[in-house]
Amino acid sequence: MNDPSLMDFSYMTNDIPFSTVMIGSFEVAFVAVLETLISARIADGLTGTRFNQPKEVFAMSLGNMLSGLMGGSPCTGVLVRTAVNVKSGATNKMSQFINAMCVMCVVFIFMPAFVYTPLPCIAAILITSACRLFPMAQIKELWEVDRAELVNLFIVAGICVFVDGAMGLGVGAVISVLRTAVKS
């Protein structure tokens, strides 16, 4: 097994067409911004606070640039981690910084052990966490108030689960824009 290094630029030597890289970058940016804003909005709803949208997106952009320069994956405001953080009582913005420091320590100390964790175990943890986020109260409310929006929720969820997350978010956004246009 190769030892991972902090700075790995070997990915830059691949013969991937620039257009493919740009299209992928725009898709990831779209999903990253949407997921970050949705995550921040959920955290605001759970804590009764209000996030600064330009600051949130700018910080996520800087983080993604650093991650990309080091050959890492894109980072976003993760829905599951944000909800777990808030439900644990960590409602101050400093909790995200402490979370990042803990992740860094775990990566540096325990990563050799995590490499051997079977993917089904990781999937089970993520599915359990995601299922706990299922918005039953909002679904009941949508059933009573706006069934068309409830249908949109299920369409987006189905596309995200069975096809692609970016496509699901895109379809949901288009449906919402069209519904708003028809209403006005």
Foldseek 3Di string as FASTA:
>chain_A
DDDQDQADPPVVPDPDDPVVVVVVVVLVLLLQLVQQVVLQVVLCVLQVHDDDSVVSSVVQVVVQVSQVRRVHDRDHNHNLVSVVCVVVVNNDPVSVVVVVVVVVVCCVPPVVVVVPDDPVVVVVVVVVSVVVVPCPVVLVVCVVPPVVVNVLVVQLVCCVVPPNNSVSVVVSVVVVVVVVVVVD
